N, C-alpha and C. Protein backbone atom coordinates (compact mmCIF):
# COMPACT_ATOMS: atom_id res chain seq x y z
N MET A 1 -16.35 7.47 -17.20
CA MET A 1 -14.91 7.21 -17.25
C MET A 1 -14.55 6.59 -18.59
N ASP A 2 -13.64 7.25 -19.33
CA ASP A 2 -13.30 6.72 -20.65
C ASP A 2 -12.36 5.53 -20.53
N SER A 3 -12.13 4.86 -21.68
CA SER A 3 -11.36 3.61 -21.66
C SER A 3 -9.91 3.84 -21.25
N GLU A 4 -9.33 4.98 -21.64
CA GLU A 4 -7.94 5.26 -21.28
C GLU A 4 -7.79 5.43 -19.77
N GLU A 5 -8.70 6.16 -19.16
CA GLU A 5 -8.66 6.37 -17.72
C GLU A 5 -8.91 5.06 -16.98
N LEU A 6 -9.83 4.25 -17.50
CA LEU A 6 -10.13 2.98 -16.85
C LEU A 6 -8.94 2.03 -16.94
N ASN A 7 -8.26 2.03 -18.07
CA ASN A 7 -7.08 1.18 -18.23
C ASN A 7 -5.97 1.60 -17.28
N ARG A 8 -5.80 2.90 -17.10
CA ARG A 8 -4.80 3.42 -16.16
C ARG A 8 -5.15 3.00 -14.73
N LEU A 9 -6.43 3.10 -14.40
CA LEU A 9 -6.87 2.73 -13.06
C LEU A 9 -6.68 1.24 -12.82
N TYR A 10 -6.85 0.45 -13.86
CA TYR A 10 -6.63 -1.00 -13.76
C TYR A 10 -5.18 -1.30 -13.41
N ARG A 11 -4.26 -0.56 -14.00
CA ARG A 11 -2.83 -0.76 -13.71
C ARG A 11 -2.53 -0.36 -12.26
N VAL A 12 -3.16 0.71 -11.80
CA VAL A 12 -3.00 1.12 -10.41
C VAL A 12 -3.52 0.03 -9.48
N TRP A 13 -4.70 -0.49 -9.80
CA TRP A 13 -5.31 -1.56 -9.00
C TRP A 13 -4.37 -2.76 -8.87
N LYS A 14 -3.76 -3.16 -9.98
CA LYS A 14 -2.88 -4.32 -9.96
C LYS A 14 -1.65 -4.05 -9.09
N THR A 15 -1.10 -2.84 -9.15
CA THR A 15 0.04 -2.50 -8.31
C THR A 15 -0.34 -2.54 -6.85
N VAL A 16 -1.52 -2.02 -6.51
CA VAL A 16 -1.97 -2.02 -5.11
C VAL A 16 -2.12 -3.45 -4.60
N GLN A 17 -2.71 -4.33 -5.41
CA GLN A 17 -2.87 -5.72 -5.00
C GLN A 17 -1.53 -6.39 -4.74
N LYS A 18 -0.58 -6.17 -5.65
CA LYS A 18 0.76 -6.77 -5.49
C LYS A 18 1.49 -6.16 -4.30
N MET A 19 1.33 -4.87 -4.10
CA MET A 19 1.97 -4.19 -2.98
C MET A 19 1.50 -4.78 -1.65
N LEU A 20 0.20 -4.99 -1.52
CA LEU A 20 -0.34 -5.55 -0.29
C LEU A 20 0.06 -7.02 -0.13
N PHE A 21 0.08 -7.75 -1.23
CA PHE A 21 0.55 -9.14 -1.18
C PHE A 21 1.98 -9.19 -0.67
N ASP A 22 2.83 -8.29 -1.19
CA ASP A 22 4.23 -8.25 -0.77
C ASP A 22 4.38 -7.81 0.68
N ARG A 23 3.40 -7.14 1.22
CA ARG A 23 3.42 -6.73 2.63
C ARG A 23 2.90 -7.84 3.55
N GLY A 24 2.43 -8.93 2.96
CA GLY A 24 1.96 -10.05 3.78
C GLY A 24 0.46 -10.11 3.97
N TYR A 25 -0.29 -9.36 3.16
CA TYR A 25 -1.74 -9.40 3.28
C TYR A 25 -2.32 -10.54 2.43
N ALA A 26 -3.50 -10.98 2.81
CA ALA A 26 -4.13 -12.16 2.19
C ALA A 26 -4.84 -11.76 0.88
N ILE A 27 -4.05 -11.42 -0.11
CA ILE A 27 -4.58 -11.10 -1.43
C ILE A 27 -4.68 -12.39 -2.24
N ALA A 28 -5.89 -12.72 -2.66
CA ALA A 28 -6.11 -13.98 -3.37
C ALA A 28 -5.52 -13.93 -4.78
N GLU A 29 -5.24 -15.11 -5.31
CA GLU A 29 -4.66 -15.22 -6.65
C GLU A 29 -5.54 -14.56 -7.70
N GLN A 30 -6.87 -14.72 -7.56
CA GLN A 30 -7.77 -14.14 -8.57
C GLN A 30 -7.77 -12.62 -8.52
N GLN A 31 -7.40 -12.04 -7.36
CA GLN A 31 -7.28 -10.59 -7.27
C GLN A 31 -5.98 -10.11 -7.91
N LEU A 32 -4.91 -10.86 -7.68
CA LEU A 32 -3.62 -10.50 -8.29
C LEU A 32 -3.67 -10.55 -9.80
N ASN A 33 -4.44 -11.49 -10.32
CA ASN A 33 -4.50 -11.69 -11.77
C ASN A 33 -5.89 -11.40 -12.33
N LEU A 34 -6.56 -10.42 -11.74
CA LEU A 34 -7.91 -10.07 -12.16
C LEU A 34 -7.91 -9.62 -13.62
N PRO A 35 -8.67 -10.28 -14.50
CA PRO A 35 -8.71 -9.89 -15.91
C PRO A 35 -9.34 -8.50 -16.07
N TYR A 36 -8.88 -7.79 -17.07
CA TYR A 36 -9.39 -6.43 -17.30
C TYR A 36 -10.91 -6.40 -17.49
N PRO A 37 -11.51 -7.32 -18.27
CA PRO A 37 -12.98 -7.27 -18.43
C PRO A 37 -13.73 -7.38 -17.10
N VAL A 38 -13.20 -8.19 -16.17
CA VAL A 38 -13.84 -8.32 -14.86
C VAL A 38 -13.70 -7.02 -14.08
N PHE A 39 -12.52 -6.43 -14.14
CA PHE A 39 -12.30 -5.14 -13.48
C PHE A 39 -13.24 -4.09 -14.05
N ARG A 40 -13.33 -4.02 -15.35
CA ARG A 40 -14.19 -3.02 -16.02
C ARG A 40 -15.65 -3.20 -15.62
N SER A 41 -16.07 -4.45 -15.41
CA SER A 41 -17.47 -4.72 -15.08
C SER A 41 -17.87 -4.13 -13.73
N ARG A 42 -16.89 -3.83 -12.87
CA ARG A 42 -17.19 -3.24 -11.58
C ARG A 42 -17.83 -1.86 -11.71
N PHE A 43 -17.59 -1.23 -12.84
CA PHE A 43 -18.12 0.13 -13.05
C PHE A 43 -19.39 0.12 -13.90
N GLU A 44 -19.82 -1.07 -14.30
CA GLU A 44 -21.04 -1.17 -15.09
C GLU A 44 -22.26 -1.16 -14.17
N PRO A 45 -23.40 -0.67 -14.65
CA PRO A 45 -24.61 -0.60 -13.81
C PRO A 45 -25.02 -1.98 -13.30
N ASP A 46 -25.49 -2.00 -12.07
CA ASP A 46 -25.99 -3.23 -11.47
C ASP A 46 -27.43 -3.45 -11.95
N PRO A 47 -27.70 -4.57 -12.66
CA PRO A 47 -29.05 -4.80 -13.19
C PRO A 47 -30.13 -4.82 -12.11
N SER A 48 -29.72 -5.17 -10.88
CA SER A 48 -30.71 -5.26 -9.80
C SER A 48 -30.93 -3.93 -9.09
N ALA A 49 -30.12 -2.91 -9.43
CA ALA A 49 -30.23 -1.62 -8.76
C ALA A 49 -31.36 -0.79 -9.38
N PRO A 50 -31.91 0.15 -8.62
CA PRO A 50 -32.95 1.03 -9.17
C PRO A 50 -32.44 1.80 -10.38
N ILE A 51 -33.36 2.16 -11.27
CA ILE A 51 -32.98 2.86 -12.49
C ILE A 51 -32.26 4.16 -12.20
N ASP A 52 -32.68 4.85 -11.13
CA ASP A 52 -32.09 6.14 -10.82
C ASP A 52 -30.89 6.04 -9.87
N ALA A 53 -30.36 4.83 -9.68
CA ALA A 53 -29.20 4.65 -8.81
C ALA A 53 -27.98 5.36 -9.39
N PRO A 54 -27.17 6.01 -8.56
CA PRO A 54 -25.98 6.71 -9.07
C PRO A 54 -24.96 5.72 -9.63
N PRO A 55 -24.15 6.15 -10.60
CA PRO A 55 -23.13 5.25 -11.17
C PRO A 55 -22.08 4.88 -10.12
N ARG A 56 -21.48 3.76 -10.29
CA ARG A 56 -20.45 3.32 -9.36
C ARG A 56 -19.20 4.18 -9.55
N THR A 57 -18.55 4.48 -8.45
CA THR A 57 -17.37 5.33 -8.46
C THR A 57 -16.14 4.54 -8.06
N ARG A 58 -14.99 5.21 -8.08
CA ARG A 58 -13.77 4.56 -7.60
C ARG A 58 -13.99 4.01 -6.19
N GLU A 59 -14.53 4.86 -5.33
CA GLU A 59 -14.65 4.47 -3.93
C GLU A 59 -15.61 3.30 -3.73
N THR A 60 -16.75 3.34 -4.38
CA THR A 60 -17.74 2.27 -4.18
C THR A 60 -17.34 0.99 -4.91
N ALA A 61 -16.61 1.12 -6.02
CA ALA A 61 -16.27 -0.07 -6.81
C ALA A 61 -14.98 -0.74 -6.37
N LEU A 62 -14.04 0.04 -5.78
CA LEU A 62 -12.70 -0.50 -5.58
C LEU A 62 -12.22 -0.54 -4.14
N SER A 63 -12.76 0.27 -3.24
CA SER A 63 -12.28 0.28 -1.86
C SER A 63 -12.52 -1.09 -1.20
N PHE A 64 -11.59 -1.50 -0.35
CA PHE A 64 -11.71 -2.82 0.26
C PHE A 64 -10.91 -2.91 1.55
N VAL A 65 -11.20 -3.96 2.31
CA VAL A 65 -10.48 -4.27 3.56
C VAL A 65 -9.88 -5.66 3.41
N VAL A 66 -8.64 -5.83 3.90
CA VAL A 66 -8.01 -7.14 3.85
C VAL A 66 -7.13 -7.31 5.08
N GLY A 67 -7.01 -8.56 5.56
CA GLY A 67 -6.19 -8.86 6.73
C GLY A 67 -4.88 -9.53 6.33
N LYS A 68 -3.97 -9.62 7.29
CA LYS A 68 -2.69 -10.28 7.05
C LYS A 68 -2.91 -11.78 6.87
N ARG A 69 -2.00 -12.42 6.12
CA ARG A 69 -2.12 -13.86 5.88
C ARG A 69 -1.96 -14.64 7.18
N ASP A 70 -1.06 -14.20 8.05
CA ASP A 70 -0.79 -14.94 9.27
C ASP A 70 -1.49 -14.36 10.50
N LYS A 71 -2.22 -13.27 10.30
CA LYS A 71 -2.92 -12.63 11.42
C LYS A 71 -4.08 -11.84 10.84
N HIS A 72 -5.17 -12.54 10.57
CA HIS A 72 -6.26 -11.95 9.80
C HIS A 72 -6.88 -10.73 10.48
N GLU A 73 -6.81 -10.68 11.81
CA GLU A 73 -7.40 -9.54 12.51
C GLU A 73 -6.58 -8.26 12.32
N ASP A 74 -5.35 -8.40 11.83
CA ASP A 74 -4.51 -7.23 11.52
C ASP A 74 -4.89 -6.76 10.12
N ARG A 75 -5.83 -5.81 10.06
CA ARG A 75 -6.43 -5.43 8.78
C ARG A 75 -6.01 -4.04 8.31
N ILE A 76 -6.18 -3.82 7.01
CA ILE A 76 -5.92 -2.52 6.41
C ILE A 76 -7.09 -2.17 5.51
N PHE A 77 -7.46 -0.89 5.51
CA PHE A 77 -8.56 -0.40 4.67
C PHE A 77 -7.94 0.41 3.53
N VAL A 78 -8.26 0.05 2.31
CA VAL A 78 -7.76 0.78 1.14
C VAL A 78 -8.90 1.59 0.55
N PHE A 79 -8.73 2.92 0.58
CA PHE A 79 -9.73 3.83 0.03
C PHE A 79 -9.29 4.33 -1.33
N PHE A 80 -10.08 4.06 -2.36
CA PHE A 80 -9.86 4.67 -3.67
C PHE A 80 -10.74 5.92 -3.71
N SER A 81 -10.13 7.07 -3.47
CA SER A 81 -10.90 8.29 -3.29
C SER A 81 -11.37 8.87 -4.62
N ASP A 82 -12.58 9.43 -4.61
CA ASP A 82 -13.11 10.16 -5.76
C ASP A 82 -12.87 11.65 -5.65
N GLU A 83 -12.34 12.07 -4.50
CA GLU A 83 -12.17 13.50 -4.26
C GLU A 83 -11.01 14.06 -5.09
N ALA A 84 -11.22 15.23 -5.69
CA ALA A 84 -10.16 15.89 -6.43
C ALA A 84 -9.12 16.47 -5.48
N LYS A 85 -9.52 16.70 -4.23
CA LYS A 85 -8.61 17.24 -3.22
C LYS A 85 -8.86 16.53 -1.90
N ILE A 86 -7.80 15.96 -1.35
CA ILE A 86 -7.91 15.31 -0.05
C ILE A 86 -7.74 16.39 1.02
N SER A 87 -8.83 16.73 1.68
CA SER A 87 -8.83 17.78 2.68
C SER A 87 -8.90 17.17 4.08
N VAL A 88 -8.85 18.02 5.09
CA VAL A 88 -9.00 17.56 6.47
C VAL A 88 -10.34 16.86 6.65
N ALA A 89 -11.38 17.39 6.03
CA ALA A 89 -12.71 16.80 6.16
C ALA A 89 -12.74 15.38 5.58
N VAL A 90 -12.05 15.19 4.45
CA VAL A 90 -12.00 13.86 3.84
C VAL A 90 -11.25 12.89 4.75
N VAL A 91 -10.10 13.34 5.27
CA VAL A 91 -9.32 12.50 6.18
C VAL A 91 -10.14 12.15 7.41
N SER A 92 -10.87 13.13 7.93
CA SER A 92 -11.71 12.90 9.11
C SER A 92 -12.78 11.85 8.84
N SER A 93 -13.38 11.91 7.64
CA SER A 93 -14.42 10.93 7.30
C SER A 93 -13.84 9.52 7.22
N TYR A 94 -12.62 9.41 6.68
CA TYR A 94 -11.98 8.10 6.62
C TYR A 94 -11.62 7.61 8.02
N ALA A 95 -11.15 8.52 8.87
CA ALA A 95 -10.80 8.13 10.24
C ALA A 95 -12.03 7.64 10.99
N GLN A 96 -13.17 8.28 10.76
CA GLN A 96 -14.41 7.84 11.40
C GLN A 96 -14.78 6.44 10.92
N ARG A 97 -14.57 6.19 9.64
CA ARG A 97 -14.86 4.86 9.09
C ARG A 97 -13.93 3.81 9.73
N LEU A 98 -12.66 4.15 9.85
CA LEU A 98 -11.71 3.24 10.48
C LEU A 98 -12.11 2.96 11.93
N ASN A 99 -12.55 3.98 12.61
CA ASN A 99 -12.96 3.82 14.01
C ASN A 99 -14.16 2.88 14.12
N ARG A 100 -15.13 3.05 13.22
CA ARG A 100 -16.32 2.18 13.24
C ARG A 100 -15.95 0.73 12.94
N GLU A 101 -15.02 0.55 12.01
CA GLU A 101 -14.63 -0.80 11.59
C GLU A 101 -13.56 -1.41 12.51
N GLU A 102 -13.05 -0.60 13.45
CA GLU A 102 -11.99 -1.02 14.36
C GLU A 102 -10.76 -1.47 13.59
N ILE A 103 -10.34 -0.62 12.66
CA ILE A 103 -9.16 -0.85 11.84
C ILE A 103 -8.19 0.30 12.09
N GLU A 104 -6.92 -0.02 12.28
CA GLU A 104 -5.94 1.00 12.63
C GLU A 104 -5.12 1.50 11.44
N ARG A 105 -5.13 0.76 10.34
CA ARG A 105 -4.24 1.11 9.22
C ARG A 105 -5.04 1.34 7.95
N ALA A 106 -4.61 2.31 7.14
CA ALA A 106 -5.32 2.61 5.90
C ALA A 106 -4.37 3.17 4.85
N ILE A 107 -4.79 3.02 3.59
CA ILE A 107 -4.12 3.63 2.46
C ILE A 107 -5.16 4.41 1.68
N ILE A 108 -4.84 5.65 1.35
CA ILE A 108 -5.71 6.46 0.50
C ILE A 108 -5.07 6.56 -0.88
N ILE A 109 -5.79 6.11 -1.90
CA ILE A 109 -5.35 6.26 -3.29
C ILE A 109 -6.15 7.43 -3.86
N TYR A 110 -5.45 8.47 -4.30
CA TYR A 110 -6.15 9.66 -4.76
C TYR A 110 -5.66 10.08 -6.15
N LYS A 111 -6.39 10.98 -6.78
CA LYS A 111 -6.04 11.39 -8.14
C LYS A 111 -5.86 12.90 -8.27
N GLY A 112 -5.82 13.61 -7.15
CA GLY A 112 -5.68 15.06 -7.20
C GLY A 112 -4.54 15.54 -6.33
N THR A 113 -4.89 16.20 -5.23
CA THR A 113 -3.88 16.74 -4.32
C THR A 113 -4.27 16.43 -2.87
N VAL A 114 -3.27 16.51 -2.01
CA VAL A 114 -3.49 16.40 -0.57
C VAL A 114 -3.09 17.75 0.03
N THR A 115 -4.00 18.40 0.71
CA THR A 115 -3.70 19.72 1.24
C THR A 115 -2.70 19.62 2.40
N PRO A 116 -1.92 20.69 2.63
CA PRO A 116 -0.98 20.68 3.76
C PRO A 116 -1.67 20.40 5.10
N THR A 117 -2.86 20.94 5.28
CA THR A 117 -3.57 20.71 6.55
C THR A 117 -4.03 19.26 6.67
N ALA A 118 -4.35 18.63 5.53
CA ALA A 118 -4.73 17.22 5.55
C ALA A 118 -3.52 16.35 5.92
N LYS A 119 -2.34 16.71 5.38
CA LYS A 119 -1.13 15.97 5.72
C LYS A 119 -0.84 16.09 7.22
N GLN A 120 -1.04 17.29 7.76
CA GLN A 120 -0.84 17.48 9.18
C GLN A 120 -1.87 16.69 9.98
N GLY A 121 -3.10 16.68 9.48
CA GLY A 121 -4.15 15.91 10.14
C GLY A 121 -3.82 14.44 10.20
N ILE A 122 -3.24 13.90 9.12
CA ILE A 122 -2.83 12.49 9.10
C ILE A 122 -1.74 12.24 10.13
N GLN A 123 -0.80 13.20 10.24
CA GLN A 123 0.25 13.08 11.26
C GLN A 123 -0.35 13.09 12.66
N ASP A 124 -1.31 13.97 12.88
CA ASP A 124 -1.93 14.09 14.21
C ASP A 124 -2.69 12.83 14.60
N LEU A 125 -3.16 12.08 13.59
CA LEU A 125 -3.93 10.86 13.87
C LEU A 125 -3.05 9.65 14.18
N GLN A 126 -1.73 9.80 13.99
CA GLN A 126 -0.83 8.65 14.11
C GLN A 126 -0.90 7.89 15.43
N PRO A 127 -1.16 8.55 16.55
CA PRO A 127 -1.28 7.72 17.77
C PRO A 127 -2.42 6.71 17.70
N PHE A 128 -3.40 6.98 16.81
CA PHE A 128 -4.58 6.12 16.72
C PHE A 128 -4.64 5.33 15.42
N PHE A 129 -4.25 5.97 14.31
CA PHE A 129 -4.32 5.34 12.99
C PHE A 129 -3.02 5.61 12.23
N PHE A 130 -2.64 4.64 11.41
CA PHE A 130 -1.50 4.82 10.51
C PHE A 130 -2.07 4.91 9.10
N ILE A 131 -2.08 6.11 8.54
CA ILE A 131 -2.69 6.35 7.23
C ILE A 131 -1.62 6.74 6.22
N GLU A 132 -1.54 5.99 5.14
CA GLU A 132 -0.64 6.30 4.04
C GLU A 132 -1.45 6.88 2.89
N TYR A 133 -0.80 7.60 2.00
CA TYR A 133 -1.51 8.12 0.84
C TYR A 133 -0.60 8.10 -0.38
N PHE A 134 -1.17 7.67 -1.50
CA PHE A 134 -0.45 7.56 -2.77
C PHE A 134 -1.24 8.24 -3.87
N ASP A 135 -0.56 9.07 -4.64
CA ASP A 135 -1.15 9.58 -5.87
C ASP A 135 -1.23 8.41 -6.86
N GLU A 136 -2.32 8.35 -7.61
CA GLU A 136 -2.45 7.26 -8.59
C GLU A 136 -1.24 7.18 -9.52
N SER A 137 -0.67 8.33 -9.86
CA SER A 137 0.45 8.34 -10.80
C SER A 137 1.67 7.59 -10.26
N GLU A 138 1.76 7.45 -8.92
CA GLU A 138 2.87 6.73 -8.32
C GLU A 138 2.73 5.22 -8.46
N LEU A 139 1.52 4.77 -8.79
CA LEU A 139 1.23 3.34 -8.77
C LEU A 139 0.89 2.76 -10.14
N VAL A 140 0.97 3.59 -11.18
CA VAL A 140 0.69 3.08 -12.53
C VAL A 140 1.69 1.98 -12.89
N VAL A 141 2.94 2.17 -12.45
CA VAL A 141 3.99 1.18 -12.67
C VAL A 141 4.47 0.68 -11.31
N ASN A 142 4.64 -0.61 -11.18
CA ASN A 142 5.15 -1.21 -9.95
C ASN A 142 6.67 -1.08 -9.95
N ILE A 143 7.19 -0.20 -9.09
CA ILE A 143 8.63 0.07 -9.11
C ILE A 143 9.46 -1.15 -8.74
N THR A 144 8.92 -2.06 -7.96
CA THR A 144 9.71 -3.22 -7.52
C THR A 144 9.92 -4.22 -8.65
N GLU A 145 9.19 -4.06 -9.74
CA GLU A 145 9.36 -4.96 -10.86
C GLU A 145 10.37 -4.45 -11.88
N HIS A 146 10.95 -3.27 -11.61
CA HIS A 146 11.97 -2.73 -12.49
C HIS A 146 13.26 -3.53 -12.32
N GLU A 147 13.95 -3.78 -13.40
CA GLU A 147 15.14 -4.64 -13.36
C GLU A 147 16.26 -4.07 -12.49
N LEU A 148 16.27 -2.77 -12.25
CA LEU A 148 17.33 -2.17 -11.46
C LEU A 148 17.02 -2.13 -9.96
N VAL A 149 15.80 -2.53 -9.59
CA VAL A 149 15.42 -2.55 -8.18
C VAL A 149 15.64 -3.95 -7.63
N PRO A 150 16.55 -4.11 -6.66
CA PRO A 150 16.81 -5.45 -6.12
C PRO A 150 15.65 -5.96 -5.28
N GLN A 151 15.70 -7.23 -4.94
CA GLN A 151 14.65 -7.83 -4.12
C GLN A 151 14.74 -7.32 -2.69
N HIS A 152 13.60 -6.89 -2.15
CA HIS A 152 13.51 -6.44 -0.77
C HIS A 152 12.59 -7.38 0.00
N VAL A 153 13.00 -7.78 1.18
CA VAL A 153 12.16 -8.60 2.07
C VAL A 153 12.21 -7.97 3.46
N VAL A 154 11.04 -7.64 4.00
CA VAL A 154 10.97 -7.05 5.34
C VAL A 154 11.06 -8.16 6.38
N LEU A 155 11.99 -8.03 7.30
CA LEU A 155 12.16 -9.05 8.34
C LEU A 155 11.12 -8.88 9.45
N GLY A 156 10.68 -10.01 9.99
CA GLY A 156 9.83 -9.98 11.17
C GLY A 156 10.67 -9.63 12.39
N GLU A 157 10.03 -9.37 13.50
CA GLU A 157 10.75 -8.95 14.70
C GLU A 157 11.71 -10.04 15.18
N ASP A 158 11.27 -11.30 15.14
CA ASP A 158 12.16 -12.40 15.56
C ASP A 158 13.34 -12.54 14.61
N GLU A 159 13.09 -12.35 13.31
CA GLU A 159 14.18 -12.43 12.32
C GLU A 159 15.18 -11.31 12.53
N LYS A 160 14.66 -10.14 12.87
CA LYS A 160 15.54 -8.99 13.14
C LYS A 160 16.44 -9.27 14.34
N LYS A 161 15.86 -9.79 15.41
CA LYS A 161 16.64 -10.09 16.62
C LYS A 161 17.71 -11.13 16.32
N ALA A 162 17.34 -12.15 15.53
CA ALA A 162 18.30 -13.20 15.17
C ALA A 162 19.44 -12.64 14.34
N LEU A 163 19.12 -11.72 13.44
CA LEU A 163 20.15 -11.09 12.60
C LEU A 163 21.15 -10.32 13.45
N LEU A 164 20.63 -9.48 14.36
CA LEU A 164 21.51 -8.67 15.20
C LEU A 164 22.37 -9.54 16.10
N LYS A 165 21.78 -10.64 16.59
CA LYS A 165 22.54 -11.55 17.45
C LYS A 165 23.62 -12.27 16.64
N ARG A 166 23.28 -12.68 15.41
CA ARG A 166 24.24 -13.44 14.59
C ARG A 166 25.46 -12.60 14.25
N TYR A 167 25.23 -11.33 13.91
CA TYR A 167 26.35 -10.47 13.51
C TYR A 167 26.90 -9.63 14.66
N LYS A 168 26.27 -9.77 15.84
CA LYS A 168 26.72 -9.06 17.04
C LYS A 168 26.81 -7.56 16.80
N VAL A 169 25.74 -7.01 16.29
CA VAL A 169 25.68 -5.57 16.03
C VAL A 169 24.40 -4.99 16.64
N LYS A 170 24.41 -3.68 16.85
CA LYS A 170 23.22 -2.97 17.26
C LYS A 170 22.49 -2.51 15.99
N GLU A 171 21.17 -2.35 16.08
CA GLU A 171 20.43 -1.97 14.88
C GLU A 171 20.91 -0.64 14.31
N THR A 172 21.39 0.25 15.17
CA THR A 172 21.87 1.56 14.70
C THR A 172 23.14 1.46 13.87
N GLN A 173 23.79 0.31 13.91
CA GLN A 173 25.01 0.11 13.12
C GLN A 173 24.71 -0.34 11.70
N LEU A 174 23.46 -0.69 11.43
CA LEU A 174 23.09 -1.13 10.08
C LEU A 174 22.98 0.06 9.14
N PRO A 175 23.23 -0.15 7.85
CA PRO A 175 22.96 0.91 6.87
C PRO A 175 21.49 1.29 6.94
N LYS A 176 21.15 2.47 6.48
CA LYS A 176 19.80 3.00 6.66
C LYS A 176 19.01 3.05 5.35
N ILE A 177 17.69 3.00 5.50
CA ILE A 177 16.77 3.26 4.40
C ILE A 177 15.67 4.17 4.94
N GLN A 178 15.34 5.22 4.22
CA GLN A 178 14.31 6.14 4.66
C GLN A 178 12.93 5.51 4.46
N THR A 179 12.04 5.72 5.44
CA THR A 179 10.66 5.25 5.25
C THR A 179 9.98 5.99 4.11
N SER A 180 10.51 7.17 3.76
CA SER A 180 9.95 7.96 2.65
C SER A 180 10.53 7.56 1.30
N ASP A 181 11.52 6.67 1.29
CA ASP A 181 12.07 6.15 0.04
C ASP A 181 10.95 5.45 -0.74
N PRO A 182 10.93 5.55 -2.07
CA PRO A 182 9.85 4.91 -2.84
C PRO A 182 9.65 3.43 -2.51
N VAL A 183 10.74 2.70 -2.35
CA VAL A 183 10.62 1.29 -2.00
C VAL A 183 10.13 1.15 -0.56
N GLY A 184 10.60 2.04 0.31
CA GLY A 184 10.13 2.03 1.70
C GLY A 184 8.64 2.27 1.78
N ARG A 185 8.14 3.19 0.96
CA ARG A 185 6.71 3.48 0.95
C ARG A 185 5.93 2.29 0.38
N TYR A 186 6.49 1.65 -0.64
CA TYR A 186 5.83 0.48 -1.24
C TYR A 186 5.57 -0.59 -0.19
N TYR A 187 6.58 -0.82 0.65
CA TYR A 187 6.45 -1.86 1.68
C TYR A 187 5.83 -1.34 2.97
N GLY A 188 5.50 -0.05 3.03
CA GLY A 188 4.90 0.50 4.23
C GLY A 188 5.79 0.41 5.44
N LEU A 189 7.09 0.66 5.24
CA LEU A 189 8.05 0.50 6.32
C LEU A 189 7.79 1.46 7.47
N SER A 190 7.97 0.96 8.67
CA SER A 190 7.93 1.77 9.88
C SER A 190 9.34 1.87 10.44
N LYS A 191 9.59 2.95 11.17
CA LYS A 191 10.91 3.14 11.76
C LYS A 191 11.26 1.95 12.65
N GLY A 192 12.49 1.46 12.48
CA GLY A 192 12.94 0.34 13.30
C GLY A 192 12.86 -1.01 12.59
N GLN A 193 12.12 -1.08 11.50
CA GLN A 193 12.07 -2.34 10.75
C GLN A 193 13.36 -2.53 9.95
N VAL A 194 13.69 -3.78 9.68
CA VAL A 194 14.90 -4.10 8.92
C VAL A 194 14.50 -4.80 7.62
N VAL A 195 15.17 -4.40 6.55
CA VAL A 195 14.89 -4.95 5.22
C VAL A 195 16.10 -5.72 4.72
N LYS A 196 15.86 -6.92 4.24
CA LYS A 196 16.91 -7.71 3.59
C LYS A 196 16.89 -7.41 2.10
N ILE A 197 18.02 -6.98 1.55
CA ILE A 197 18.10 -6.60 0.14
C ILE A 197 19.06 -7.54 -0.57
N THR A 198 18.57 -8.22 -1.59
CA THR A 198 19.38 -9.18 -2.35
C THR A 198 19.62 -8.66 -3.75
N ARG A 199 20.89 -8.45 -4.09
CA ARG A 199 21.27 -7.96 -5.41
C ARG A 199 22.01 -9.05 -6.16
N ASN A 200 21.90 -9.00 -7.47
CA ASN A 200 22.70 -9.88 -8.31
C ASN A 200 24.12 -9.35 -8.39
N SER A 201 25.09 -10.25 -8.32
CA SER A 201 26.49 -9.86 -8.38
C SER A 201 27.22 -10.71 -9.41
N GLU A 202 28.03 -10.07 -10.26
CA GLU A 202 28.77 -10.80 -11.28
C GLU A 202 29.82 -11.71 -10.66
N THR A 203 30.31 -11.36 -9.49
CA THR A 203 31.37 -12.15 -8.85
C THR A 203 30.83 -13.13 -7.80
N ALA A 204 29.84 -12.67 -7.03
CA ALA A 204 29.35 -13.51 -5.92
C ALA A 204 28.04 -14.21 -6.23
N GLY A 205 27.42 -13.90 -7.37
CA GLY A 205 26.13 -14.49 -7.70
C GLY A 205 25.01 -13.70 -7.05
N LYS A 206 24.97 -13.72 -5.71
CA LYS A 206 24.00 -12.95 -4.95
C LYS A 206 24.73 -12.17 -3.86
N TYR A 207 24.32 -10.94 -3.64
CA TYR A 207 24.93 -10.10 -2.62
C TYR A 207 23.83 -9.58 -1.72
N VAL A 208 23.91 -9.92 -0.43
CA VAL A 208 22.85 -9.59 0.53
C VAL A 208 23.31 -8.50 1.48
N THR A 209 22.45 -7.49 1.67
CA THR A 209 22.69 -6.45 2.67
C THR A 209 21.41 -6.26 3.48
N TYR A 210 21.55 -5.57 4.59
CA TYR A 210 20.39 -5.28 5.45
C TYR A 210 20.36 -3.79 5.74
N ARG A 211 19.16 -3.24 5.76
CA ARG A 211 19.03 -1.82 6.05
C ARG A 211 17.95 -1.60 7.11
N LEU A 212 18.22 -0.60 7.94
CA LEU A 212 17.30 -0.23 9.01
C LEU A 212 16.45 0.95 8.55
N ALA A 213 15.14 0.83 8.69
CA ALA A 213 14.23 1.91 8.30
C ALA A 213 14.29 3.03 9.35
N ILE A 214 14.45 4.25 8.86
CA ILE A 214 14.50 5.41 9.76
C ILE A 214 13.55 6.49 9.27
């Protein structure tokens, strides 16, 4: 892996860490601010490994599991795939891994393509696993850090109920946000979740709206 590719992958890694932190996962400070030399060292040969040991890959060097900050047993598996094409077989292998680890949620970070049958396979697995997938190119830049993207905060179920009660509205009366929206995908929104969006306003200082994920 050349230095340009490794630098790009480092930027992807940082976005993934921040994305999971923003979703409420227990990402440590040292992971959020991992220095590039430390990241690069993950791909260097292990001095204790046999001489003929294969080089470390994206999957072996970067894949990880992390739990929620307030509910550690609620875990997600992040796969940094080495496959040029995510096929049904690849998805099946990841699902088997999730089953062994007793984890229901996963993210696949890939650098090639996802076949139509693999996408359908991911849909078919939804009763058992919730699997998201991102092309590396989508994560080189963290979209939520762009100055034109307002602050988004996903409400918990109790916060959602309190909001609906306070304004005396049904959730279907709220403005909508698609789960397929780039920001919706960043936060891993599920249908029925509500997002608090805070924008800067020249007249009001701050302007708050709420949107229902559909």
